[in-house]
Amino acid sequence: MSAWASKGKGKGKGAKGKTQAVPAKEPGKDDEGFSLVDSRPMPGKSSGRGRGFGGRGKGKGKAMQSGNYQEGILGQKSKPINNNFNNQKGKSKGKGGNQRRGLPSFKEWSVQTKTEWEMKREIMLSSLAKLQVDAKEVKYSDLLWCGKLHSYNRVFDRINAKTERPMRRFEDLNFFNVSTSDDPHLQEMISEDPDVCMVATDHVLAALIAAARSVYSWDIVVTKISGKLLFDKRQGSQVDFLSVNETAHEPPNNDDKENINSPVKLSQEASCINQNFSQMVLDFSSPAKEMEQRNPFEEEDDDDSVVASGAYRYRKITVPGNPKAENEFDRKPINMIVRTEVNCRMPDARDNKGLVSVKALNEYDPKLNYSWRQHLESQRGACLATELKNNAFKLGRWTAQAILSGCDTMKIGYVSRQSPSDPWSHTVLGVQTHLTDHFAESIGLTRNNMFGILRTIIDLVMQWEDGKYLLLKDPTKSVLRIYELPWDCFKSDDEDGDGDDLEEQDQELDEDGNVAPSQPQGLR
């Protein structure tokens, strides 16, 4: 039995978990404003000790990462913002400070590198545009559908600035943003299919595909076991969040990290908006289409919880090789399994046609000479062009995700704060519809280049020994570095043990009954 199979079989439902929304507090009860989202499930909400992909998640479900941003943002209110807002004049508009035009003020590394990490490769992101694979030879096949799909409510296509709608809050729903290693289906699929060499989620791969458009730092963890790769994200990784105006001429200022318009606060706000918007545009008056299996991350014995509507589509993607390559592996096609997300379907959709990816752009600082309320209806093209310039990485990621999931339509909402000083209340000003392939072409994202990037990175890592590797974007320059990491790097607190009884049960003993030295098996 392979290391994937022997180390990766989850026990019980330990690989499942959730985050429940915290009841909203009254204004004035919290002086902190936004807080970082704790992506771990609330303790005691799930049972079992599932290990995911060999990760030693003994925390009774804590191995699961949930992505409910409602808890960190909408679950709490700040004291009346007048006090804070008035004291921050000159900063709250994303300007001021020592920031120079055109240079990002947010230069923090997503991971602090260590001297013992060996740098395996440094890649100039500009070179990624040259990587090509014939996308016509890429083959797709569906392995599994989970969850449910509601129909899109066409009423939102008719919204404009005069008929704007307040953003609804879905604090009672459970949202999930589960890592690759904590997905029980991916674990089973890669263990049972000998032809598959890589598993990942569309979130992770989309960040890699759009890497050349990024400015901020982010990272992806790649683990190689027995010739198979797992592309994953760390808990609380930047990949979980959406940046705002990352590529703008005047990006958000990071001088005051607690400011409502700082990069981290805006990122949390944008992520929360997208969760709410993905549910707001659904037509709940008509029945949802149930998939083959229920949401794999919801609790089977918890009837009180409600899971957000949406479907997971597990796809096997075959990418052709390069017949002129010297390496035999590079010449052969490779098979990857990707868990993708589909938000909804069009009312007249049939089979797998008419699938929709729902996303939302957000405006936080309207200018006197440019604001969506004034210009979105009359200058839609100009507004979109501005967003493409200011949010190139985010829109590139969204487009890549739509292509990977097979969504032929993208619904992009325009959401603005009801007041520039209030990051908790928002209004939907309009929704634009784009055919995914046409939109990808308009932003210069081609399928040939998409799969060329993925194929090249996979071929590169497959040349190296089994181990754990970190793909890290430099926040100060357009460079992606790959480091080799120790096996126990980024091990979470839960993986260190949740009790003596659990630790003893998982320890391996030698012939004399003594604790055997730990070996780098599976994903640790």
Protein backbone atom coordinates (compact mmCIF):
# COMPACT_ATOMS: atom_id res chain seq x y z
CA MET A 1 0.00 0.00 0.00
CA SER A 2 1.34 3.42 -0.90
CA ALA A 3 2.31 6.03 1.67
CA TRP A 4 -0.68 8.09 0.52
CA ALA A 5 -3.10 5.28 1.22
CA SER A 6 -1.60 4.01 4.45
CA LYS A 7 -1.06 7.42 5.96
CA GLY A 8 -3.97 9.24 4.46
CA LYS A 9 -7.02 7.24 5.44
CA GLY A 10 -9.15 9.42 7.69
CA LYS A 11 -10.80 7.91 10.71
CA GLY A 12 -14.41 8.80 11.36
CA LYS A 13 -15.40 12.33 10.53
CA GLY A 14 -12.38 14.04 11.94
CA ALA A 15 -11.59 15.65 8.64
CA LYS A 16 -14.84 17.52 8.79
CA GLY A 17 -15.59 20.71 10.63
CA LYS A 18 -17.35 24.01 10.38
CA THR A 19 -17.47 27.52 11.64
CA GLN A 20 -20.65 28.92 13.11
CA ALA A 21 -21.40 32.59 12.91
CA VAL A 22 -21.15 34.52 16.14
CA PRO A 23 -24.29 36.52 17.03
CA ALA A 24 -23.83 40.16 16.19
CA LYS A 25 -22.97 42.43 19.08
CA GLU A 26 -24.51 45.79 19.66
CA PRO A 27 -22.54 48.78 18.38
CA GLY A 28 -20.06 49.97 20.91
CA LYS A 29 -19.25 46.56 22.37
CA ASP A 30 -16.08 46.02 20.40
CA ASP A 31 -13.31 48.56 20.03
CA GLU A 32 -11.20 46.48 17.69
CA GLY A 33 -13.20 46.66 14.48
CA PHE A 34 -12.32 43.77 12.22
CA SER A 35 -10.35 40.86 13.61
CA LEU A 36 -8.42 38.19 11.82
CA VAL A 37 -10.57 35.19 11.02
CA ASP A 38 -9.88 32.08 13.06
CA SER A 39 -10.17 29.50 10.31
CA ARG A 40 -10.28 26.57 12.70
CA PRO A 41 -13.69 25.10 13.56
CA MET A 42 -15.16 25.79 16.97
CA PRO A 43 -14.07 23.09 19.40
CA GLY A 44 -16.34 20.21 20.22
CA LYS A 45 -18.41 20.47 17.06
CA SER A 46 -17.21 17.33 15.34
CA SER A 47 -15.98 13.90 16.26
CA GLY A 48 -13.40 11.46 15.04
CA ARG A 49 -9.73 11.88 14.44
CA GLY A 50 -9.40 12.05 10.67
CA ARG A 51 -5.89 12.61 9.46
CA GLY A 52 -6.68 14.04 6.07
CA PHE A 53 -3.77 13.38 3.70
CA GLY A 54 -1.64 11.82 6.37
CA GLY A 55 -1.60 15.07 8.33
CA ARG A 56 -1.71 14.15 11.98
CA GLY A 57 -4.91 16.05 12.70
CA LYS A 58 -5.89 14.46 15.96
CA GLY A 59 -8.00 17.40 17.05
CA LYS A 60 -11.45 15.89 16.70
CA GLY A 61 -12.26 17.75 13.55
CA LYS A 62 -9.85 20.59 14.04
CA ALA A 63 -7.88 19.49 11.01
CA MET A 64 -10.60 21.04 8.90
CA GLN A 65 -10.19 24.60 7.81
CA SER A 66 -13.40 26.48 7.51
CA GLY A 67 -13.66 29.77 5.71
CA ASN A 68 -16.55 31.58 7.31
CA TYR A 69 -15.51 35.22 7.21
CA GLN A 70 -18.81 36.20 8.83
CA GLU A 71 -17.34 35.30 12.21
CA GLY A 72 -14.41 37.63 11.88
CA ILE A 73 -16.26 40.55 10.32
CA LEU A 74 -20.03 40.58 10.33
CA GLY A 75 -20.15 38.82 13.64
CA GLN A 76 -19.07 41.95 15.42
CA LYS A 77 -19.51 45.70 15.25
CA SER A 78 -17.15 48.42 16.26
CA LYS A 79 -17.99 51.35 18.45
CA PRO A 80 -19.43 54.31 16.52
CA ILE A 81 -16.86 54.92 13.85
CA ASN A 82 -17.01 58.69 14.18
CA ASN A 83 -14.41 58.61 16.95
CA ASN A 84 -11.90 56.50 15.05
CA PHE A 85 -12.67 57.94 11.65
CA ASN A 86 -12.28 61.55 12.67
CA ASN A 87 -8.96 60.81 14.33
CA GLN A 88 -7.57 59.27 11.16
CA LYS A 89 -8.01 62.03 8.67
CA GLY A 90 -5.49 61.79 5.89
CA LYS A 91 -5.07 58.07 6.38
CA SER A 92 -8.47 56.51 5.86
CA LYS A 93 -8.56 57.21 2.17
CA GLY A 94 -5.70 54.92 1.33
CA LYS A 95 -3.30 57.82 0.91
CA GLY A 96 -0.98 59.81 3.08
CA GLY A 97 1.94 58.63 5.15
CA ASN A 98 5.24 57.98 3.47
CA GLN A 99 3.72 56.04 0.61
CA ARG A 100 5.13 56.77 -2.80
CA ARG A 101 2.89 56.64 -5.82
CA GLY A 102 2.92 53.35 -7.66
CA LEU A 103 4.72 51.49 -4.87
CA PRO A 104 2.88 49.08 -2.58
CA SER A 105 2.91 50.04 1.10
CA PHE A 106 2.03 46.45 2.05
CA LYS A 107 5.38 44.69 1.83
CA GLU A 108 4.98 42.02 4.46
CA TRP A 109 6.10 38.49 3.64
CA SER A 110 3.37 35.89 3.92
CA VAL A 111 6.01 33.57 5.40
CA GLN A 112 9.28 34.51 7.07
CA THR A 113 11.96 32.38 5.44
CA LYS A 114 14.60 30.63 7.53
CA THR A 115 18.29 30.29 6.83
CA GLU A 116 18.13 26.49 6.87
CA TRP A 117 15.62 26.45 4.01
CA GLU A 118 17.33 25.62 0.75
CA MET A 119 16.22 27.72 -2.20
CA LYS A 120 15.69 25.33 -5.10
CA ARG A 121 14.67 27.76 -7.81
CA GLU A 122 13.96 31.43 -8.44
CA ILE A 123 11.44 32.18 -11.17
CA MET A 124 10.90 35.56 -12.76
CA LEU A 125 7.13 35.90 -13.01
CA SER A 126 7.41 37.68 -16.33
CA SER A 127 8.74 34.43 -17.83
CA LEU A 128 5.48 32.60 -17.02
CA ALA A 129 3.73 34.27 -19.96
CA LYS A 130 5.93 32.30 -22.36
CA LEU A 131 4.80 28.90 -21.09
CA GLN A 132 2.34 27.25 -23.46
CA VAL A 133 0.46 23.96 -23.78
CA ASP A 134 -2.05 23.12 -26.50
CA ALA A 135 -5.28 23.53 -24.54
CA LYS A 136 -7.22 21.69 -27.26
CA GLU A 137 -5.54 18.51 -26.07
CA VAL A 138 -6.48 19.08 -22.43
CA LYS A 139 -9.19 16.62 -21.39
CA TYR A 140 -11.71 16.94 -18.58
CA SER A 141 -13.81 14.34 -16.83
CA ASP A 142 -16.12 14.67 -13.83
CA LEU A 143 -15.41 12.37 -10.91
CA LEU A 144 -17.90 13.62 -8.33
CA TRP A 145 -20.41 16.37 -7.62
CA CYS A 146 -21.21 17.38 -4.03
CA GLY A 147 -23.60 19.92 -2.53
CA LYS A 148 -26.49 21.64 -4.27
CA LEU A 149 -27.06 24.32 -6.88
CA HIS A 150 -29.75 26.97 -6.78
CA SER A 151 -30.71 28.98 -9.82
CA TYR A 152 -29.47 32.51 -10.36
CA ASN A 153 -32.08 35.21 -9.74
CA ARG A 154 -32.26 37.30 -12.92
CA VAL A 155 -33.71 40.21 -10.95
CA PHE A 156 -30.17 41.21 -10.05
CA ASP A 157 -29.31 41.75 -13.71
CA ARG A 158 -31.67 44.74 -13.68
CA ILE A 159 -30.23 46.47 -10.63
CA ASN A 160 -28.64 49.89 -11.10
CA ALA A 161 -27.60 52.82 -8.94
CA LYS A 162 -31.19 54.09 -8.76
CA THR A 163 -32.57 50.70 -7.73
CA GLU A 164 -29.67 49.62 -5.53
CA ARG A 165 -30.20 46.85 -2.99
CA PRO A 166 -28.74 46.60 0.50
CA MET A 167 -26.36 43.68 0.91
CA ARG A 168 -27.92 40.86 2.88
CA ARG A 169 -25.98 39.18 5.65
CA PHE A 170 -25.93 35.40 5.89
CA GLU A 171 -24.48 35.02 9.36
CA ASP A 172 -26.46 31.83 10.04
CA LEU A 173 -24.84 29.89 7.18
CA ASN A 174 -21.72 27.77 7.35
CA PHE A 175 -19.13 28.51 4.67
CA PHE A 176 -16.13 26.30 4.02
CA ASN A 177 -12.71 26.92 2.53
CA VAL A 178 -11.10 23.56 3.09
CA SER A 179 -7.49 22.83 2.29
CA THR A 180 -6.45 20.09 -0.10
CA SER A 181 -5.01 17.88 2.62
CA ASP A 182 -8.22 18.04 4.67
CA ASP A 183 -10.51 16.99 1.83
CA PRO A 184 -11.53 13.32 2.32
CA HIS A 185 -12.54 12.89 -1.33
CA LEU A 186 -9.23 14.13 -2.72
CA GLN A 187 -7.46 11.86 -0.27
CA GLU A 188 -9.39 8.85 -1.51
CA MET A 189 -9.10 9.72 -5.20
CA ILE A 190 -5.32 10.10 -5.29
CA SER A 191 -4.87 6.93 -3.25
CA GLU A 192 -7.03 4.82 -5.56
CA ASP A 193 -5.99 6.17 -8.96
CA PRO A 194 -2.38 5.28 -9.85
CA ASP A 195 -2.46 7.52 -12.93
CA VAL A 196 -3.03 10.72 -10.93
CA CYS A 197 0.14 12.63 -10.07
CA MET A 198 -1.31 15.76 -8.45
CA VAL A 199 -4.30 16.99 -6.42
CA ALA A 200 -5.23 20.57 -5.58
CA THR A 201 -8.09 23.02 -5.19
CA ASP A 202 -9.04 25.68 -7.70
CA HIS A 203 -8.20 28.41 -5.15
CA VAL A 204 -4.58 27.32 -4.96
CA LEU A 205 -4.06 26.69 -8.68
CA ALA A 206 -5.74 29.98 -9.63
CA ALA A 207 -3.24 31.90 -7.50
CA LEU A 208 -0.38 30.15 -9.29
CA ILE A 209 -1.92 30.76 -12.71
CA ALA A 210 -2.38 34.49 -12.04
CA ALA A 211 0.95 34.85 -10.21
CA ALA A 212 2.44 37.28 -12.72
CA ARG A 213 -0.36 39.75 -11.94
CA SER A 214 0.25 39.76 -8.17
CA VAL A 215 2.05 42.35 -6.05
CA TYR A 216 1.53 41.21 -2.46
CA SER A 217 3.24 38.18 -0.98
CA TRP A 218 1.50 34.78 -0.89
CA ASP A 219 2.61 31.20 -0.70
CA ILE A 220 1.68 27.64 -1.65
CA VAL A 221 2.94 24.48 0.02
CA VAL A 222 3.74 21.55 -2.29
CA THR A 223 4.35 18.11 -0.83
CA LYS A 224 5.76 15.25 -2.87
CA ILE A 225 5.12 11.71 -1.64
CA SER A 226 5.91 8.59 -3.68
CA GLY A 227 5.95 10.51 -6.92
CA LYS A 228 2.65 12.31 -6.27
CA LEU A 229 2.13 15.99 -5.54
CA LEU A 230 -0.25 17.85 -3.25
CA PHE A 231 -0.64 21.60 -3.80
CA ASP A 232 -1.98 23.13 -0.61
CA LYS A 233 -2.32 26.28 1.44
CA ARG A 234 -1.28 26.96 5.01
CA GLN A 235 -3.88 27.64 7.66
CA GLY A 236 -4.70 31.34 7.58
CA SER A 237 -2.81 31.77 4.32
CA GLN A 238 -3.13 34.88 2.14
CA VAL A 239 -4.57 32.57 -0.53
CA ASP A 240 -7.75 32.41 1.58
CA PHE A 241 -8.40 36.13 1.23
CA LEU A 242 -9.14 38.56 -1.58
CA SER A 243 -6.98 41.62 -1.97
CA VAL A 244 -8.43 45.04 -2.78
CA ASN A 245 -6.77 47.46 -5.21
CA GLU A 246 -3.55 45.44 -4.96
CA THR A 247 -2.35 46.54 -8.40
CA ALA A 248 -3.71 50.10 -8.29
CA HIS A 249 -1.55 53.16 -8.91
CA GLU A 250 -2.33 54.18 -5.33
CA PRO A 251 -2.83 50.94 -3.38
CA PRO A 252 -4.26 50.90 0.16
CA ASN A 253 -1.96 52.34 2.79
CA ASN A 254 -0.58 50.03 5.46
CA ASP A 255 0.86 52.66 7.82
CA ASP A 256 -2.00 52.12 10.24
CA LYS A 257 -2.83 48.42 10.24
CA GLU A 258 -5.98 48.95 12.32
CA ASN A 259 -7.41 51.46 9.86
CA ILE A 260 -10.58 50.24 8.13
CA ASN A 261 -8.90 50.91 4.77
CA SER A 262 -5.66 49.06 5.46
CA PRO A 263 -4.89 46.12 3.12
CA VAL A 264 -5.68 43.40 5.68
CA LYS A 265 -8.97 44.97 6.79
CA LEU A 266 -10.06 45.52 3.19
CA SER A 267 -9.12 41.94 2.35
CA GLN A 268 -11.35 40.62 5.12
CA GLU A 269 -14.16 42.92 4.07
CA ALA A 270 -13.93 41.79 0.43
CA SER A 271 -13.91 38.12 1.39
CA CYS A 272 -17.00 38.60 3.55
CA ILE A 273 -18.79 40.50 0.79
CA ASN A 274 -18.17 37.69 -1.67
CA GLN A 275 -19.63 35.11 0.68
CA ASN A 276 -22.78 37.16 1.18
CA PHE A 277 -23.12 38.06 -2.49
CA SER A 278 -22.82 34.42 -3.58
CA GLN A 279 -25.98 33.66 -1.57
CA MET A 280 -27.86 36.91 -2.13
CA VAL A 281 -28.21 36.44 -5.90
CA LEU A 282 -29.79 32.98 -5.63
CA ASP A 283 -33.45 32.23 -6.33
CA PHE A 284 -34.55 30.37 -3.19
CA SER A 285 -38.17 30.28 -4.39
CA SER A 286 -37.31 27.41 -6.75
CA PRO A 287 -35.90 24.07 -5.57
CA ALA A 288 -32.17 23.50 -5.71
CA LYS A 289 -30.61 20.80 -7.81
CA GLU A 290 -29.19 18.21 -5.43
CA MET A 291 -25.83 16.72 -6.40
CA GLU A 292 -24.68 13.10 -6.08
CA GLN A 293 -23.52 13.63 -2.52
CA ARG A 294 -24.14 16.23 0.14
CA ASN A 295 -21.54 18.83 1.05
CA PRO A 296 -18.58 16.75 2.26
CA PHE A 297 -17.67 19.23 4.98
CA GLU A 298 -20.98 19.58 6.81
CA GLU A 299 -21.78 17.65 9.97
CA GLU A 300 -24.02 14.69 9.29
CA ASP A 301 -25.39 14.61 12.85
CA ASP A 302 -26.04 18.34 13.18
CA ASP A 303 -29.47 19.15 11.81
CA ASP A 304 -29.42 22.69 13.18
CA SER A 305 -26.63 23.95 10.98
CA VAL A 306 -27.31 25.29 7.52
CA VAL A 307 -24.66 25.05 4.82
CA ALA A 308 -24.27 27.76 2.21
CA SER A 309 -25.62 26.85 -1.21
CA GLY A 310 -23.05 25.82 -3.79
CA ALA A 311 -21.47 22.74 -5.33
CA TYR A 312 -18.05 21.15 -5.38
CA ARG A 313 -17.07 19.65 -8.71
CA TYR A 314 -14.20 17.19 -8.59
CA ARG A 315 -12.59 17.08 -12.02
CA LYS A 316 -9.85 14.95 -13.49
CA ILE A 317 -7.82 17.06 -15.91
CA THR A 318 -5.33 15.54 -18.32
CA VAL A 319 -2.61 17.90 -19.56
CA PRO A 320 -0.52 16.85 -22.58
CA GLY A 321 3.25 16.63 -22.45
CA ASN A 322 5.95 18.05 -24.65
CA PRO A 323 7.00 15.46 -27.26
CA LYS A 324 10.33 17.25 -27.73
CA ALA A 325 11.29 17.16 -24.05
CA GLU A 326 14.37 15.21 -22.99
CA ASN A 327 12.78 13.92 -19.77
CA GLU A 328 10.42 10.97 -20.23
CA PHE A 329 7.99 12.32 -17.62
CA ASP A 330 7.80 15.66 -19.43
CA ARG A 331 6.85 13.91 -22.67
CA LYS A 332 3.92 12.01 -21.20
CA PRO A 333 0.49 13.46 -20.37
CA ILE A 334 -0.20 14.01 -16.67
CA ASN A 335 -3.46 13.60 -14.74
CA MET A 336 -4.48 15.95 -11.96
CA ILE A 337 -7.59 16.02 -9.78
CA VAL A 338 -8.92 19.45 -8.85
CA ARG A 339 -11.74 20.31 -6.48
CA THR A 340 -13.52 23.25 -8.06
CA GLU A 341 -16.44 25.36 -6.88
CA VAL A 342 -19.62 26.27 -8.74
CA ASN A 343 -21.85 28.93 -7.17
CA CYS A 344 -25.12 28.48 -9.06
CA ARG A 345 -26.73 27.68 -12.40
CA MET A 346 -28.79 29.69 -14.84
CA PRO A 347 -32.56 29.06 -14.68
CA ASP A 348 -32.56 27.47 -18.15
CA ALA A 349 -29.39 25.41 -17.56
CA ARG A 350 -29.26 21.83 -18.78
CA ASP A 351 -26.80 19.15 -17.77
CA ASN A 352 -23.47 20.86 -17.10
CA LYS A 353 -24.19 23.87 -19.30
CA GLY A 354 -25.16 27.19 -17.79
CA LEU A 355 -22.97 26.93 -14.68
CA VAL A 356 -22.22 30.27 -13.05
CA SER A 357 -19.32 31.67 -11.03
CA VAL A 358 -20.50 34.55 -8.81
CA LYS A 359 -18.02 37.16 -7.58
CA ALA A 360 -18.18 40.73 -6.29
CA LEU A 361 -15.92 43.75 -6.61
CA ASN A 362 -16.16 46.27 -3.79
CA GLU A 363 -15.73 50.02 -3.65
CA TYR A 364 -14.52 51.49 -0.36
CA ASP A 365 -13.40 55.01 -1.20
CA PRO A 366 -15.44 56.71 -3.94
CA LYS A 367 -13.82 59.81 -5.36
CA LEU A 368 -15.53 63.05 -6.27
CA ASN A 369 -14.60 62.61 -9.93
CA TYR A 370 -15.17 58.84 -10.02
CA SER A 371 -17.64 56.68 -8.17
CA TRP A 372 -19.76 53.71 -9.14
CA ARG A 373 -22.98 55.41 -8.10
CA GLN A 374 -22.33 58.16 -10.64
CA HIS A 375 -20.59 56.32 -13.46
CA LEU A 376 -21.40 52.59 -13.36
CA GLU A 377 -24.59 52.88 -15.40
CA SER A 378 -23.28 55.28 -18.04
CA GLN A 379 -19.66 54.08 -18.21
CA ARG A 380 -19.71 50.35 -17.51
CA GLY A 381 -16.77 49.65 -19.77
CA ALA A 382 -14.65 52.33 -18.15
CA CYS A 383 -15.52 51.07 -14.65
CA LEU A 384 -14.55 47.53 -15.59
CA ALA A 385 -11.31 48.74 -17.18
CA THR A 386 -10.44 50.57 -13.97
CA GLU A 387 -11.06 47.44 -11.93
CA LEU A 388 -8.95 45.36 -14.30
CA LYS A 389 -6.11 47.78 -13.68
CA ASN A 390 -6.59 48.01 -9.91
CA ASN A 391 -7.39 44.33 -9.23
CA ALA A 392 -5.56 42.42 -11.95
CA PHE A 393 -4.53 39.56 -9.66
CA LYS A 394 -7.97 39.06 -8.13
CA LEU A 395 -9.78 39.10 -11.47
CA GLY A 396 -7.17 36.78 -12.95
CA ARG A 397 -7.74 34.32 -10.10
CA TRP A 398 -11.51 34.47 -10.53
CA THR A 399 -11.25 33.82 -14.25
CA ALA A 400 -8.89 30.89 -13.76
CA GLN A 401 -11.25 29.41 -11.16
CA ALA A 402 -14.20 29.73 -13.56
CA ILE A 403 -12.26 27.96 -16.32
CA LEU A 404 -11.10 25.15 -14.02
CA SER A 405 -14.64 24.60 -12.72
CA GLY A 406 -16.23 24.66 -16.17
CA CYS A 407 -18.42 27.71 -15.48
CA ASP A 408 -19.24 29.26 -18.83
CA THR A 409 -20.72 32.41 -17.24
CA MET A 410 -19.28 34.87 -14.72
CA LYS A 411 -21.55 37.19 -12.75
CA ILE A 412 -19.56 40.07 -11.30
CA GLY A 413 -21.30 42.33 -8.82
CA TYR A 414 -20.41 45.89 -7.92
CA VAL A 415 -20.78 46.44 -4.19
CA SER A 416 -20.14 49.72 -2.43
CA ARG A 417 -20.19 50.86 1.17
CA GLN A 418 -23.33 52.70 2.14
CA SER A 419 -21.00 55.19 3.78
CA PRO A 420 -17.23 55.41 3.20
CA SER A 421 -16.71 55.27 6.97
CA ASP A 422 -18.85 52.15 7.52
CA PRO A 423 -17.24 48.87 6.38
CA TRP A 424 -20.12 46.76 7.72
CA SER A 425 -23.00 48.02 5.58
CA HIS A 426 -22.95 47.62 1.80
CA THR A 427 -25.14 48.14 -1.23
CA VAL A 428 -25.29 46.25 -4.54
CA LEU A 429 -25.17 48.78 -7.38
CA GLY A 430 -25.15 46.44 -10.36
CA VAL A 431 -24.23 43.05 -11.79
CA GLN A 432 -22.38 42.46 -15.04
CA THR A 433 -22.54 39.21 -16.99
CA HIS A 434 -19.51 37.88 -18.87
CA LEU A 435 -18.92 34.75 -20.88
CA THR A 436 -15.90 33.18 -19.21
CA ASP A 437 -13.88 32.55 -22.38
CA HIS A 438 -14.54 36.04 -23.74
CA PHE A 439 -13.66 37.63 -20.41
CA ALA A 440 -10.47 35.57 -20.19
CA GLU A 441 -9.50 36.74 -23.67
CA SER A 442 -10.16 40.36 -22.77
CA ILE A 443 -7.81 40.22 -19.77
CA GLY A 444 -5.12 38.30 -21.64
CA LEU A 445 -5.59 34.98 -19.87
CA THR A 446 -5.40 32.03 -22.25
CA ARG A 447 -5.99 28.36 -21.57
CA ASN A 448 -2.72 27.56 -23.35
CA ASN A 449 -0.79 29.68 -20.88
CA MET A 450 -2.84 28.50 -17.89
CA PHE A 451 -2.01 24.86 -18.36
CA GLY A 452 1.50 25.71 -19.55
CA ILE A 453 2.21 27.27 -16.15
CA LEU A 454 0.75 24.34 -14.22
CA ARG A 455 2.54 21.76 -16.35
CA THR A 456 5.90 23.52 -15.96
CA ILE A 457 5.67 23.81 -12.16
CA ILE A 458 4.59 20.16 -11.86
CA ASP A 459 7.44 18.98 -14.10
CA LEU A 460 9.91 21.05 -12.08
CA VAL A 461 8.92 19.67 -8.67
CA MET A 462 8.72 16.11 -10.00
CA GLN A 463 12.44 16.27 -10.76
CA TRP A 464 13.23 16.63 -7.06
CA GLU A 465 13.22 14.14 -4.22
CA ASP A 466 10.17 13.47 -2.06
CA GLY A 467 9.75 16.31 0.38
CA LYS A 468 7.94 19.51 1.23
CA TYR A 469 8.42 22.65 -0.83
CA LEU A 470 7.27 26.25 -0.49
CA LEU A 471 6.34 28.48 -3.43
CA LEU A 472 6.74 32.03 -2.11
CA LYS A 473 5.96 35.29 -3.91
CA ASP A 474 8.39 38.08 -3.07
CA PRO A 475 6.42 41.19 -1.95
CA THR A 476 9.08 43.59 -3.21
CA LYS A 477 9.71 42.23 -6.70
CA SER A 478 8.05 40.10 -9.36
CA VAL A 479 9.77 36.88 -8.33
CA LEU A 480 8.56 33.46 -7.20
CA ARG A 481 11.00 31.41 -5.13
CA ILE A 482 10.79 27.71 -4.32
CA TYR A 483 12.29 26.50 -1.03
CA GLU A 484 12.77 22.99 0.31
CA LEU A 485 11.31 22.71 3.82
CA PRO A 486 11.72 20.29 6.74
CA TRP A 487 8.96 17.70 6.95
CA ASP A 488 7.53 19.16 10.15
CA CYS A 489 7.41 22.74 8.87
CA PHE A 490 4.04 24.52 9.26
CA LYS A 491 2.75 21.77 11.51
CA SER A 492 -0.29 23.17 13.29
CA ASP A 493 -0.81 23.08 17.03
CA ASP A 494 -3.41 20.38 16.61
CA GLU A 495 -0.89 18.15 14.87
CA ASP A 496 1.37 18.28 17.92
CA GLY A 497 -1.17 16.33 19.93
CA ASP A 498 -4.42 17.02 21.75
CA GLY A 499 -3.96 14.78 24.70
CA ASP A 500 -1.84 12.02 26.10
CA ASP A 501 -4.39 9.33 25.28
CA LEU A 502 -4.59 10.32 21.63
CA GLU A 503 -0.83 10.70 21.39
CA GLU A 504 -0.24 7.24 22.79
CA GLN A 505 -2.69 5.65 20.38
CA ASP A 506 -0.94 7.17 17.39
CA GLN A 507 2.62 6.42 18.42
CA GLU A 508 4.31 3.59 16.58
CA LEU A 509 6.19 1.03 18.66
CA ASP A 510 9.20 -1.07 17.73
CA GLU A 511 9.62 -4.78 18.39
CA ASP A 512 10.53 -4.11 22.04
CA GLY A 513 7.47 -1.97 22.64
CA ASN A 514 9.39 1.28 22.67
CA VAL A 515 8.30 4.37 20.77
CA ALA A 516 9.82 4.22 17.30
CA PRO A 517 11.48 7.33 15.84
CA SER A 518 9.12 9.32 13.64
CA GLN A 519 9.61 8.95 9.91
CA PRO A 520 8.58 11.37 7.16
CA GLN A 521 5.62 9.36 5.96
CA GLY A 522 2.59 10.89 4.30
CA LEU A 523 2.02 14.60 4.72
CA ARG A 524 3.22 15.91 8.03
